[in-house]
Amino acid sequence: VQLRESGGGLVQAGGSLRPSCAASGFTYETFCLSWFRQAPGKEREFVSSISASGVDHYVDSVRGRFTISRDNLKKTLYLQMNSLKPEDTTMYYCAADWNGWCSGSQDGWGQGTLVNVSS
């Protein structure tokens, strides 16, 4: 499982970003894919997931602002982030779970992309 994030960056509060995660080395369309985030000194936090069948889930703090999507032909995962807040600032990681229905156990991680929201 190989995952590589990109598309993070610096944005003002209220702005938008769309990080992406390119995948290779596995049968992408059968895996559950997720986004997590982790600030220095804090535990990794679940942000959103999308199952192989397209069912999505979000942590309460981002529901209504973030949208997860996947392109099985391009083997790419996206996270559309709107109405960004300074508290969204941290590293964002994508992850893959061979259980297409999203078991919560991850089989691979990307290296992360930094999202920095200025107030």
Protein backbone atom coordinates (compact mmCIF):
# COMPACT_ATOMS: atom_id res chain seq x y z
CA VAL A 1 0.00 0.00 0.00
CA GLN A 2 1.47 3.31 -1.11
CA LEU A 3 -0.21 6.64 -0.44
CA ARG A 4 1.02 10.14 -1.18
CA GLU A 5 -0.80 13.30 -0.11
CA SER A 6 -0.56 16.69 -1.72
CA GLY A 7 -2.55 19.89 -1.87
CA GLY A 8 -2.13 21.24 1.62
CA GLY A 9 -1.06 24.82 2.14
CA LEU A 10 -1.68 28.17 3.77
CA VAL A 11 -5.13 29.72 3.63
CA GLN A 12 -7.02 32.41 5.51
CA ALA A 13 -9.86 31.50 7.82
CA GLY A 14 -13.04 30.97 5.84
CA GLY A 15 -11.11 29.80 2.80
CA SER A 16 -10.92 26.42 1.08
CA LEU A 17 -8.37 23.73 0.25
CA ARG A 18 -8.62 20.39 -1.50
CA PRO A 19 -5.89 17.98 -0.45
CA SER A 20 -5.57 14.81 -2.50
CA CYS A 21 -4.04 11.38 -1.91
CA ALA A 22 -2.66 9.33 -4.80
CA ALA A 23 -2.64 5.57 -4.27
CA SER A 24 -0.78 2.63 -5.74
CA GLY A 25 0.14 -0.94 -4.94
CA PHE A 26 -3.29 -2.27 -4.02
CA THR A 27 -6.78 -2.85 -5.40
CA TYR A 28 -7.86 0.69 -4.67
CA GLU A 29 -11.54 0.30 -5.45
CA THR A 30 -12.05 -2.40 -2.80
CA PHE A 31 -10.48 -0.50 0.10
CA CYS A 32 -11.98 1.90 2.62
CA LEU A 33 -10.11 5.21 2.52
CA SER A 34 -9.86 7.74 5.29
CA TRP A 35 -8.42 11.08 6.34
CA PHE A 36 -6.90 11.62 9.76
CA ARG A 37 -5.17 14.62 11.29
CA GLN A 38 -2.61 14.99 14.04
CA ALA A 39 -1.23 18.05 15.76
CA PRO A 40 2.16 17.96 17.53
CA GLY A 41 1.86 16.32 20.92
CA LYS A 42 -1.72 15.19 20.32
CA GLU A 43 -3.29 11.90 19.35
CA ARG A 44 -4.19 11.22 15.75
CA GLU A 45 -7.83 12.16 15.10
CA PHE A 46 -10.23 10.60 12.62
CA VAL A 47 -11.60 13.18 10.17
CA SER A 48 -13.53 11.31 7.50
CA SER A 49 -13.84 7.99 5.71
CA ILE A 50 -15.41 6.66 2.54
CA SER A 51 -16.17 3.00 2.05
CA ALA A 52 -15.67 1.00 -1.12
CA SER A 53 -19.38 1.47 -1.81
CA GLY A 54 -19.17 5.23 -1.29
CA VAL A 55 -20.66 5.59 2.19
CA ASP A 56 -18.99 8.50 3.98
CA HIS A 57 -18.55 9.46 7.62
CA TYR A 58 -17.25 12.59 9.31
CA VAL A 59 -16.16 13.71 12.73
CA ASP A 60 -18.66 16.21 14.13
CA SER A 61 -16.21 19.11 14.01
CA VAL A 62 -15.94 19.01 10.20
CA ARG A 63 -19.38 17.75 9.17
CA GLY A 64 -21.00 20.21 6.79
CA ARG A 65 -17.65 21.86 5.98
CA PHE A 66 -15.56 18.99 4.60
CA THR A 67 -16.48 16.53 1.85
CA ILE A 68 -14.58 13.33 1.13
CA SER A 69 -14.61 11.79 -2.34
CA ARG A 70 -12.75 9.15 -4.29
CA ASP A 71 -11.95 8.65 -7.96
CA ASN A 72 -11.44 4.94 -8.54
CA LEU A 73 -10.18 5.43 -12.09
CA LYS A 74 -7.49 7.89 -10.99
CA LYS A 75 -6.92 6.01 -7.72
CA THR A 76 -7.09 9.31 -5.90
CA LEU A 77 -8.79 10.36 -2.68
CA TYR A 78 -9.85 13.96 -2.04
CA LEU A 79 -10.91 16.07 0.90
CA GLN A 80 -12.74 19.28 -0.03
CA MET A 81 -12.25 21.58 2.94
CA ASN A 82 -14.49 24.66 3.07
CA SER A 83 -15.05 27.32 5.73
CA LEU A 84 -11.67 26.51 7.22
CA LYS A 85 -10.95 27.53 10.79
CA PRO A 86 -7.62 28.13 12.56
CA GLU A 87 -8.29 25.04 14.67
CA ASP A 88 -8.16 22.95 11.46
CA THR A 89 -4.44 23.71 11.26
CA THR A 90 -2.38 20.53 11.45
CA MET A 91 -0.96 17.65 9.41
CA TYR A 92 -3.49 15.62 7.43
CA TYR A 93 -2.89 11.97 6.56
CA CYS A 94 -4.70 9.58 4.27
CA ALA A 95 -5.04 5.92 5.14
CA ALA A 96 -6.27 2.70 3.52
CA ASP A 97 -8.15 -0.20 5.12
CA TRP A 98 -8.48 -3.44 3.16
CA ASN A 99 -11.90 -3.88 4.76
CA GLY A 100 -13.96 -2.01 2.22
CA TRP A 101 -16.70 -1.35 4.79
CA CYS A 102 -14.27 0.58 7.04
CA SER A 103 -13.26 -1.52 10.02
CA GLY A 104 -11.24 1.25 11.64
CA SER A 105 -7.95 -0.64 11.31
CA GLN A 106 -5.59 0.91 8.76
CA ASP A 107 -3.20 -1.02 6.52
CA GLY A 108 -1.24 1.89 5.10
CA TRP A 109 -0.57 5.58 5.67
CA GLY A 110 0.65 8.49 3.64
CA GLN A 111 3.39 10.86 4.75
CA GLY A 112 1.00 13.74 5.40
CA THR A 113 0.28 17.19 4.05
CA LEU A 114 0.23 20.36 6.12
CA VAL A 115 -2.87 22.56 6.31
CA ASN A 116 -2.28 25.97 7.87
CA VAL A 117 -5.26 28.25 8.44
CA SER A 118 -4.47 31.81 9.47
CA SER A 119 -6.88 33.93 11.48
